[in-house]
């Protein structure tokens, strides 16, 4: 192996090493996201199974009565007034 070939091989190994260091955090993040997604999916499936066993359905509305906010009340009052042009 000549000196030029050795330098070329070392340069190629260095470039591949730097590329690996740059790509490694992204790969670790993707793997971590997939693990978290799998855990969330399992938890949702377990929650659904528990609710099915209990015979309950998801709660669709709050037991508290809803009161419109002040901004909604003000807007409704302004909207309902009829303006008469003179």
PDB file of N, CA and C in Angstrom:
ATOM      1  N   UNK A   1       0.850  -1.171   0.000  1.00  0.00           N
ATOM      2  CA  UNK A   1       0.000   0.000   0.000  1.00  0.00           C
ATOM      3  C   UNK A   1       0.896   1.235   0.000  1.00  0.00           C
ATOM      4  N   UNK A   2       0.606   2.150  -0.883  1.00  0.00           N
ATOM      5  CA  UNK A   2       1.435   3.338  -0.996  1.00  0.00           C
ATOM      6  C   UNK A   2       0.957   4.393  -0.005  1.00  0.00           C
ATOM      7  N   UNK A   3       1.726   5.448   0.123  1.00  0.00           N
ATOM      8  CA  UNK A   3       1.399   6.535   1.041  1.00  0.00           C
ATOM      9  C   UNK A   3       0.102   7.227   0.613  1.00  0.00           C
ATOM     10  N   UNK A   4      -0.107   7.406  -0.662  1.00  0.00           N
ATOM     11  CA  UNK A   4      -1.314   8.062  -1.161  1.00  0.00           C
ATOM     12  C   UNK A   4      -2.551   7.217  -0.838  1.00  0.00           C
ATOM     13  N   UNK A   5      -2.428   5.912  -0.988  1.00  0.00           N
ATOM     14  CA  UNK A   5      -3.545   5.033  -0.677  1.00  0.00           C
ATOM     15  C   UNK A   5      -3.851   5.044   0.823  1.00  0.00           C
ATOM     16  N   UNK A   6      -2.802   5.079   1.638  1.00  0.00           N
ATOM     17  CA  UNK A   6      -2.985   5.114   3.090  1.00  0.00           C
ATOM     18  C   UNK A   6      -3.665   6.413   3.508  1.00  0.00           C
ATOM     19  N   UNK A   7      -3.215   7.535   2.937  1.00  0.00           N
ATOM     20  CA  UNK A   7      -3.832   8.822   3.246  1.00  0.00           C
ATOM     21  C   UNK A   7      -5.295   8.847   2.804  1.00  0.00           C
ATOM     22  N   UNK A   8      -5.580   8.279   1.646  1.00  0.00           N
ATOM     23  CA  UNK A   8      -6.948   8.211   1.155  1.00  0.00           C
ATOM     24  C   UNK A   8      -7.827   7.366   2.069  1.00  0.00           C
ATOM     25  N   UNK A   9      -7.279   6.241   2.535  1.00  0.00           N
ATOM     26  CA  UNK A   9      -8.019   5.369   3.437  1.00  0.00           C
ATOM     27  C   UNK A   9      -8.279   6.067   4.773  1.00  0.00           C
ATOM     28  N   UNK A  10      -7.271   6.743   5.311  1.00  0.00           N
ATOM     29  CA  UNK A  10      -7.444   7.472   6.575  1.00  0.00           C
ATOM     30  C   UNK A  10      -8.452   8.613   6.421  1.00  0.00           C
ATOM     31  N   UNK A  11      -8.400   9.304   5.299  1.00  0.00           N
ATOM     32  CA  UNK A  11      -9.361  10.383   5.056  1.00  0.00           C
ATOM     33  C   UNK A  11     -10.783   9.853   4.956  1.00  0.00           C
ATOM     34  N   UNK A  12     -10.938   8.720   4.270  1.00  0.00           N
ATOM     35  CA  UNK A  12     -12.261   8.126   4.135  1.00  0.00           C
ATOM     36  C   UNK A  12     -12.782   7.660   5.495  1.00  0.00           C
ATOM     37  N   UNK A  13     -11.931   7.054   6.309  1.00  0.00           N
ATOM     38  CA  UNK A  13     -12.337   6.612   7.654  1.00  0.00           C
ATOM     39  C   UNK A  13     -12.707   7.819   8.511  1.00  0.00           C
ATOM     40  N   UNK A  14     -11.969   8.910   8.387  1.00  0.00           N
ATOM     41  CA  UNK A  14     -12.263  10.117   9.162  1.00  0.00           C
ATOM     42  C   UNK A  14     -13.618  10.702   8.754  1.00  0.00           C
ATOM     43  N   UNK A  15     -13.895  10.764   7.453  1.00  0.00           N
ATOM     44  CA  UNK A  15     -15.164  11.302   6.971  1.00  0.00           C
ATOM     45  C   UNK A  15     -16.327  10.427   7.435  1.00  0.00           C
ATOM     46  N   UNK A  16     -16.166   9.121   7.341  1.00  0.00           N
ATOM     47  CA  UNK A  16     -17.223   8.205   7.784  1.00  0.00           C
ATOM     48  C   UNK A  16     -17.429   8.331   9.296  1.00  0.00           C
ATOM     49  N   UNK A  17     -16.349   8.496  10.050  1.00  0.00           N
ATOM     50  CA  UNK A  17     -16.462   8.674  11.501  1.00  0.00           C
ATOM     51  C   UNK A  17     -17.200   9.954  11.867  1.00  0.00           C
ATOM     52  N   UNK A  18     -16.867  11.055  11.192  1.00  0.00           N
ATOM     53  CA  UNK A  18     -17.541  12.332  11.453  1.00  0.00           C
ATOM     54  C   UNK A  18     -19.023  12.229  11.069  1.00  0.00           C
ATOM     55  N   UNK A  19     -19.304  11.589   9.937  1.00  0.00           N
ATOM     56  CA  UNK A  19     -20.686  11.397   9.516  1.00  0.00           C
ATOM     57  C   UNK A  19     -21.453  10.583  10.563  1.00  0.00           C
ATOM     58  N   UNK A  20     -20.815   9.552  11.083  1.00  0.00           N
ATOM     59  CA  UNK A  20     -21.445   8.736  12.128  1.00  0.00           C
ATOM     60  C   UNK A  20     -21.741   9.549  13.373  1.00  0.00           C
ATOM     61  N   UNK A  21     -20.809  10.419  13.764  1.00  0.00           N
ATOM     62  CA  UNK A  21     -21.037  11.263  14.940  1.00  0.00           C
ATOM     63  C   UNK A  21     -22.170  12.256  14.719  1.00  0.00           C
ATOM     64  N   UNK A  22     -22.334  12.716  13.496  1.00  0.00           N
ATOM     65  CA  UNK A  22     -23.417  13.654  13.203  1.00  0.00           C
ATOM     66  C   UNK A  22     -24.775  12.960  13.136  1.00  0.00           C
ATOM     67  N   UNK A  23     -24.808  11.728  12.645  1.00  0.00           N
ATOM     68  CA  UNK A  23     -26.064  11.011  12.464  1.00  0.00           C
ATOM     69  C   UNK A  23     -26.507  10.315  13.761  1.00  0.00           C
ATOM     70  N   UNK A  24     -25.582   9.988  14.617  1.00  0.00           N
ATOM     71  CA  UNK A  24     -25.887   9.231  15.834  1.00  0.00           C
ATOM     72  C   UNK A  24     -26.961   9.878  16.709  1.00  0.00           C
ATOM     73  N   UNK A  25     -26.928  11.177  17.019  1.00  0.00           N
ATOM     74  CA  UNK A  25     -27.990  11.759  17.846  1.00  0.00           C
ATOM     75  C   UNK A  25     -29.380  11.643  17.210  1.00  0.00           C
ATOM     76  N   UNK A  26     -29.463  11.778  15.894  1.00  0.00           N
ATOM     77  CA  UNK A  26     -30.750  11.649  15.220  1.00  0.00           C
ATOM     78  C   UNK A  26     -31.277  10.221  15.332  1.00  0.00           C
ATOM     79  N   UNK A  27     -30.410   9.253  15.154  1.00  0.00           N
ATOM     80  CA  UNK A  27     -30.820   7.850  15.256  1.00  0.00           C
ATOM     81  C   UNK A  27     -31.265   7.524  16.681  1.00  0.00           C
ATOM     82  N   UNK A  28     -30.534   8.023  17.662  1.00  0.00           N
ATOM     83  CA  UNK A  28     -30.914   7.804  19.062  1.00  0.00           C
ATOM     84  C   UNK A  28     -32.278   8.434  19.334  1.00  0.00           C
ATOM     85  N   UNK A  29     -32.539   9.628  18.807  1.00  0.00           N
ATOM     86  CA  UNK A  29     -33.828  10.287  18.988  1.00  0.00           C
ATOM     87  C   UNK A  29     -34.970   9.521  18.356  1.00  0.00           C
ATOM     88  N   UNK A  30     -34.752   8.983  17.161  1.00  0.00           N
ATOM     89  CA  UNK A  30     -35.786   8.204  16.482  1.00  0.00           C
ATOM     90  C   UNK A  30     -36.114   6.950  17.275  1.00  0.00           C
ATOM     91  N   UNK A  31     -35.087   6.258  17.752  1.00  0.00           N
ATOM     92  CA  UNK A  31     -35.309   5.041  18.538  1.00  0.00           C
ATOM     93  C   UNK A  31     -36.047   5.377  19.830  1.00  0.00           C
ATOM     94  N   UNK A  32     -35.660   6.464  20.470  1.00  0.00           N
ATOM     95  CA  UNK A  32     -36.319   6.873  21.720  1.00  0.00           C
ATOM     96  C   UNK A  32     -37.790   7.210  21.479  1.00  0.00           C
ATOM     97  N   UNK A  33     -38.092   7.929  20.386  1.00  0.00           N
ATOM     98  CA  UNK A  33     -39.478   8.267  20.049  1.00  0.00           C
ATOM     99  C   UNK A  33     -40.313   7.019  19.805  1.00  0.00           C
ATOM    100  N   UNK A  34     -39.742   6.032  19.117  1.00  0.00           N
ATOM    101  CA  UNK A  34     -40.479   4.795  18.859  1.00  0.00           C
ATOM    102  C   UNK A  34     -40.760   4.037  20.149  1.00  0.00           C
ATOM    103  N   UNK A  35     -39.806   4.040  21.071  1.00  0.00           N
ATOM    104  CA  UNK A  35     -40.017   3.372  22.361  1.00  0.00           C
ATOM    105  C   UNK A  35     -41.138   4.069  23.116  1.00  0.00           C
ATOM    106  N   UNK A  36     -41.127   5.395  23.134  1.00  0.00           N
ATOM    107  CA  UNK A  36     -42.162   6.156  23.839  1.00  0.00           C
ATOM    108  C   UNK A  36     -43.519   5.930  23.179  1.00  0.00           C
ATOM    109  N   UNK A  37     -43.575   5.932  21.831  1.00  0.00           N
ATOM    110  CA  UNK A  37     -44.831   5.679  21.132  1.00  0.00           C
ATOM    111  C   UNK A  37     -45.389   4.305  21.479  1.00  0.00           C
ATOM    112  N   UNK A  38     -44.508   3.315  21.560  1.00  0.00           N
ATOM    113  CA  UNK A  38     -44.942   1.966  21.906  1.00  0.00           C
ATOM    114  C   UNK A  38     -45.507   1.928  23.320  1.00  0.00           C
ATOM    115  N   UNK A  39     -44.859   2.639  24.255  1.00  0.00           N
ATOM    116  CA  UNK A  39     -45.346   2.686  25.634  1.00  0.00           C
ATOM    117  C   UNK A  39     -46.714   3.375  25.705  1.00  0.00           C
ATOM    118  N   UNK A  40     -46.890   4.460  24.960  1.00  0.00           N
ATOM    119  CA  UNK A  40     -48.167   5.165  24.952  1.00  0.00           C
ATOM    120  C   UNK A  40     -49.259   4.264  24.381  1.00  0.00           C
ATOM    121  N   UNK A  41     -48.962   3.565  23.282  1.00  0.00           N
ATOM    122  CA  UNK A  41     -49.936   2.670  22.668  1.00  0.00           C
ATOM    123  C   UNK A  41     -50.353   1.565  23.639  1.00  0.00           C
ATOM    124  N   UNK A  42     -49.381   0.975  24.341  1.00  0.00           N
ATOM    125  CA  UNK A  42     -49.698  -0.068  25.314  1.00  0.00           C
ATOM    126  C   UNK A  42     -50.557   0.476  26.445  1.00  0.00           C
ATOM    127  N   UNK A  43     -50.240   1.682  26.912  1.00  0.00           N
ATOM    128  CA  UNK A  43     -51.016   2.278  28.003  1.00  0.00           C
ATOM    129  C   UNK A  43     -52.446   2.560  27.551  1.00  0.00           C
ATOM    130  N   UNK A  44     -52.629   3.044  26.325  1.00  0.00           N
ATOM    131  CA  UNK A  44     -53.969   3.310  25.818  1.00  0.00           C
ATOM    132  C   UNK A  44     -54.759   2.016  25.660  1.00  0.00           C
ATOM    133  N   UNK A  45     -54.100   0.972  25.179  1.00  0.00           N
ATOM    134  CA  UNK A  45     -54.782  -0.317  25.029  1.00  0.00           C
ATOM    135  C   UNK A  45     -55.180  -0.867  26.400  1.00  0.00           C
ATOM    136  N   UNK A  46     -54.295  -0.736  27.379  1.00  0.00           N
ATOM    137  CA  UNK A  46     -54.603  -1.215  28.721  1.00  0.00           C
ATOM    138  C   UNK A  46     -55.743  -0.404  29.325  1.00  0.00           C
ATOM    139  N   UNK A  47     -55.759   0.883  29.083  1.00  0.00           N
ATOM    140  CA  UNK A  47     -56.825   1.743  29.603  1.00  0.00           C
ATOM    141  C   UNK A  47     -58.160   1.363  28.976  1.00  0.00           C
ATOM    142  N   UNK A  48     -58.159   1.126  27.662  1.00  0.00           N
ATOM    143  CA  UNK A  48     -59.377   0.718  26.982  1.00  0.00           C
ATOM    144  C   UNK A  48     -59.879  -0.620  27.488  1.00  0.00           C
ATOM    145  N   UNK A  49     -58.961  -1.539  27.749  1.00  0.00           N
ATOM    146  CA  UNK A  49     -59.365  -2.848  28.264  1.00  0.00           C
ATOM    147  C   UNK A  49     -59.951  -2.718  29.659  1.00  0.00           C
ATOM    148  N   UNK A  50     -59.369  -1.860  30.488  1.00  0.00           N
ATOM    149  CA  UNK A  50     -59.900  -1.651  31.846  1.00  0.00           C
ATOM    150  C   UNK A  50     -61.294  -1.052  31.786  1.00  0.00           C
ATOM    151  N   UNK A  51     -61.490  -0.088  30.899  1.00  0.00           N
ATOM    152  CA  UNK A  51     -62.807   0.540  30.781  1.00  0.00           C
ATOM    153  C   UNK A  51     -63.831  -0.437  30.233  1.00  0.00           C
ATOM    154  N   UNK A  52     -63.420  -1.296  29.312  1.00  0.00           N
ATOM    155  CA  UNK A  52     -64.337  -2.284  28.764  1.00  0.00           C
ATOM    156  C   UNK A  52     -64.751  -3.276  29.848  1.00  0.00           C
ATOM    157  N   UNK A  53     -63.800  -3.675  30.687  1.00  0.00           N
ATOM    158  CA  UNK A  53     -64.124  -4.590  31.780  1.00  0.00           C
ATOM    159  C   UNK A  53     -65.055  -3.936  32.775  1.00  0.00           C
ATOM    160  N   UNK A  54     -64.871  -2.656  33.007  1.00  0.00           N
ATOM    161  CA  UNK A  54     -65.701  -1.943  33.980  1.00  0.00           C
ATOM    162  C   UNK A  54     -67.064  -1.592  33.375  1.00  0.00           C
ATOM    163  N   UNK A  55     -67.200  -1.713  32.058  1.00  0.00           N
ATOM    164  CA  UNK A  55     -68.469  -1.430  31.405  1.00  0.00           C
ATOM    165  C   UNK A  55     -68.754   0.049  31.275  1.00  0.00           C
ATOM    166  N   UNK A  56     -67.730   0.854  31.399  1.00  0.00           N
ATOM    167  CA  UNK A  56     -67.896   2.303  31.296  1.00  0.00           C
ATOM    168  C   UNK A  56     -67.550   2.769  29.901  1.00  0.00           C
ATOM    169  N   UNK A  57     -68.115   3.890  29.541  1.00  0.00           N
ATOM    170  CA  UNK A  57     -67.742   4.560  28.299  1.00  0.00           C
ATOM    171  C   UNK A  57     -67.044   5.859  28.662  1.00  0.00           C
ATOM    172  N   UNK A  58     -66.368   6.441  27.677  1.00  0.00           N
ATOM    173  CA  UNK A  58     -65.697   7.723  27.919  1.00  0.00           C
ATOM    174  C   UNK A  58     -66.730   8.773  28.284  1.00  0.00           C
ATOM    175  N   UNK A  59     -66.367   9.614  29.237  1.00  0.00           N
ATOM    176  CA  UNK A  59     -67.255  10.695  29.648  1.00  0.00           C
ATOM    177  C   UNK A  59     -67.284  11.731  28.539  1.00  0.00           C
ATOM    178  N   UNK A  60     -68.491  12.090  28.084  1.00  0.00           N
ATOM    179  CA  UNK A  60     -68.602  12.996  26.949  1.00  0.00           C
ATOM    180  C   UNK A  60     -68.726  14.450  27.357  1.00  0.00           C
ATOM    181  N   UNK A  61     -69.247  14.705  28.536  1.00  0.00           N
ATOM    182  CA  UNK A  61     -69.367  16.092  28.946  1.00  0.00           C
ATOM    183  C   UNK A  61     -69.081  16.203  30.434  1.00  0.00           C
ATOM    184  N   UNK A  62     -68.832  17.386  30.832  1.00  0.00           N
ATOM    185  CA  UNK A  62     -68.527  17.643  32.227  1.00  0.00           C
ATOM    186  C   UNK A  62     -69.808  17.620  33.042  1.00  0.00           C
ATOM    187  N   UNK A  63     -69.700  17.255  34.297  1.00  0.00           N
ATOM    188  CA  UNK A  63     -70.879  17.264  35.162  1.00  0.00           C
ATOM    189  C   UNK A  63     -71.199  18.690  35.618  1.00  0.00           C
ATOM    190  N   UNK A  64     -70.237  19.591  35.461  1.00  0.00           N
ATOM    191  CA  UNK A  64     -70.463  20.992  35.830  1.00  0.00           C
ATOM    192  C   UNK A  64     -71.205  21.696  34.714  1.00  0.00           C
ATOM    193  N   UNK A  65     -72.042  22.640  35.092  1.00  0.00           N
ATOM    194  CA  UNK A  65     -72.703  23.442  34.072  1.00  0.00           C
ATOM    195  C   UNK A  65     -71.696  24.437  33.503  1.00  0.00           C
ATOM    196  N   UNK A  66     -71.850  24.722  32.242  1.00  0.00           N
ATOM    197  CA  UNK A  66     -70.915  25.646  31.608  1.00  0.00           C
ATOM    198  C   UNK A  66     -71.509  27.036  31.587  1.00  0.00           C
ATOM    199  N   UNK A  67     -70.688  28.003  31.895  1.00  0.00           N
ATOM    200  CA  UNK A  67     -71.095  29.398  31.904  1.00  0.00           C
ATOM    201  C   UNK A  67     -70.235  30.112  30.874  1.00  0.00           C
ATOM    202  N   UNK A  68     -70.847  30.864  29.975  1.00  0.00           N
ATOM    203  CA  UNK A  68     -70.026  31.555  28.984  1.00  0.00           C
ATOM    204  C   UNK A  68     -69.132  32.603  29.649  1.00  0.00           C
ATOM    205  N   UNK A  69     -67.995  32.824  29.023  1.00  0.00           N
ATOM    206  CA  UNK A  69     -67.069  33.800  29.566  1.00  0.00           C
ATOM    207  C   UNK A  69     -67.617  35.211  29.371  1.00  0.00           C
ATOM    208  N   UNK A  70     -67.003  36.166  30.035  1.00  0.00           N
ATOM    209  CA  UNK A  70     -67.432  37.555  29.928  1.00  0.00           C
ATOM    210  C   UNK A  70     -67.330  38.044  28.495  1.00  0.00           C
ATOM    211  N   UNK A  71     -66.275  37.627  27.786  1.00  0.00           N
ATOM    212  CA  UNK A  71     -66.096  38.063  26.404  1.00  0.00           C
ATOM    213  C   UNK A  71     -67.226  37.533  25.530  1.00  0.00           C
ATOM    214  N   UNK A  72     -67.630  36.283  25.749  1.00  0.00           N
ATOM    215  CA  UNK A  72     -68.729  35.711  24.968  1.00  0.00           C
ATOM    216  C   UNK A  72     -70.023  36.433  25.283  1.00  0.00           C
ATOM    217  N   UNK A  73     -70.270  36.684  26.554  1.00  0.00           N
ATOM    218  CA  UNK A  73     -71.487  37.370  26.971  1.00  0.00           C
ATOM    219  C   UNK A  73     -71.562  38.762  26.355  1.00  0.00           C
ATOM    220  N   UNK A  74     -70.451  39.483  26.363  1.00  0.00           N
ATOM    221  CA  UNK A  74     -70.403  40.830  25.804  1.00  0.00           C
ATOM    222  C   UNK A  74     -70.645  40.787  24.299  1.00  0.00           C
ATOM    223  N   UNK A  75     -70.009  39.829  23.613  1.00  0.00           N
ATOM    224  CA  UNK A  75     -70.160  39.735  22.166  1.00  0.00           C
ATOM    225  C   UNK A  75     -71.594  39.395  21.805  1.00  0.00           C
ATOM    226  N   UNK A  76     -72.235  38.498  22.550  1.00  0.00           N
ATOM    227  CA  UNK A  76     -73.628  38.141  22.270  1.00  0.00           C
ATOM    228  C   UNK A  76     -74.534  39.351  22.446  1.00  0.00           C
ATOM    229  N   UNK A  77     -74.304  40.137  23.476  1.00  0.00           N
ATOM    230  CA  UNK A  77     -75.109  41.331  23.714  1.00  0.00           C
ATOM    231  C   UNK A  77     -74.964  42.337  22.596  1.00  0.00           C
ATOM    232  N   UNK A  78     -73.760  42.501  22.114  1.00  0.00           N
ATOM    233  CA  UNK A  78     -73.523  43.453  21.026  1.00  0.00           C
ATOM    234  C   UNK A  78     -74.122  42.951  19.723  1.00  0.00           C
ATOM    235  N   UNK A  79     -74.085  41.651  19.501  1.00  0.00           N
ATOM    236  CA  UNK A  79     -74.578  41.081  18.269  1.00  0.00           C
ATOM    237  C   UNK A  79     -76.096  41.144  18.198  1.00  0.00           C
ATOM    238  N   UNK A  80     -76.756  41.031  19.338  1.00  0.00           N
ATOM    239  CA  UNK A  80     -78.208  40.962  19.324  1.00  0.00           C
ATOM    240  C   UNK A  80     -78.870  42.333  19.178  1.00  0.00           C
ATOM    241  N   UNK A  81     -78.147  43.423  19.391  1.00  0.00           N
ATOM    242  CA  UNK A  81     -78.744  44.751  19.267  1.00  0.00           C
ATOM    243  C   UNK A  81     -78.901  45.121  17.796  1.00  0.00           C
ATOM    244  N   UNK A  82     -80.023  45.711  17.489  1.00  0.00           N
ATOM    245  CA  UNK A  82     -80.262  46.145  16.117  1.00  0.00           C
ATOM    246  C   UNK A  82     -79.958  47.624  16.026  1.00  0.00           C
ATOM    247  N   UNK A  83     -79.135  47.943  15.074  1.00  0.00           N
ATOM    248  CA  UNK A  83     -78.773  49.345  14.887  1.00  0.00           C
ATOM    249  C   UNK A  83     -79.737  49.981  13.872  1.00  0.00           C
ATOM    250  N   UNK A  84     -80.191  51.149  14.206  1.00  0.00           N
ATOM    251  CA  UNK A  84     -81.090  51.874  13.319  1.00  0.00           C
ATOM    252  C   UNK A  84     -80.326  53.048  12.746  1.00  0.00           C
ATOM    253  N   UNK A  85     -80.285  53.115  11.465  1.00  0.00           N
ATOM    254  CA  UNK A  85     -79.592  54.248  10.860  1.00  0.00           C
ATOM    255  C   UNK A  85     -80.547  55.440  10.782  1.00  0.00           C
ATOM    256  N   UNK A  86     -80.036  56.608  11.024  1.00  0.00           N
ATOM    257  CA  UNK A  86     -80.907  57.785  11.023  1.00  0.00           C
ATOM    258  C   UNK A  86     -80.830  58.548   9.740  1.00  0.00           C
TER     259      UNK A  86
END
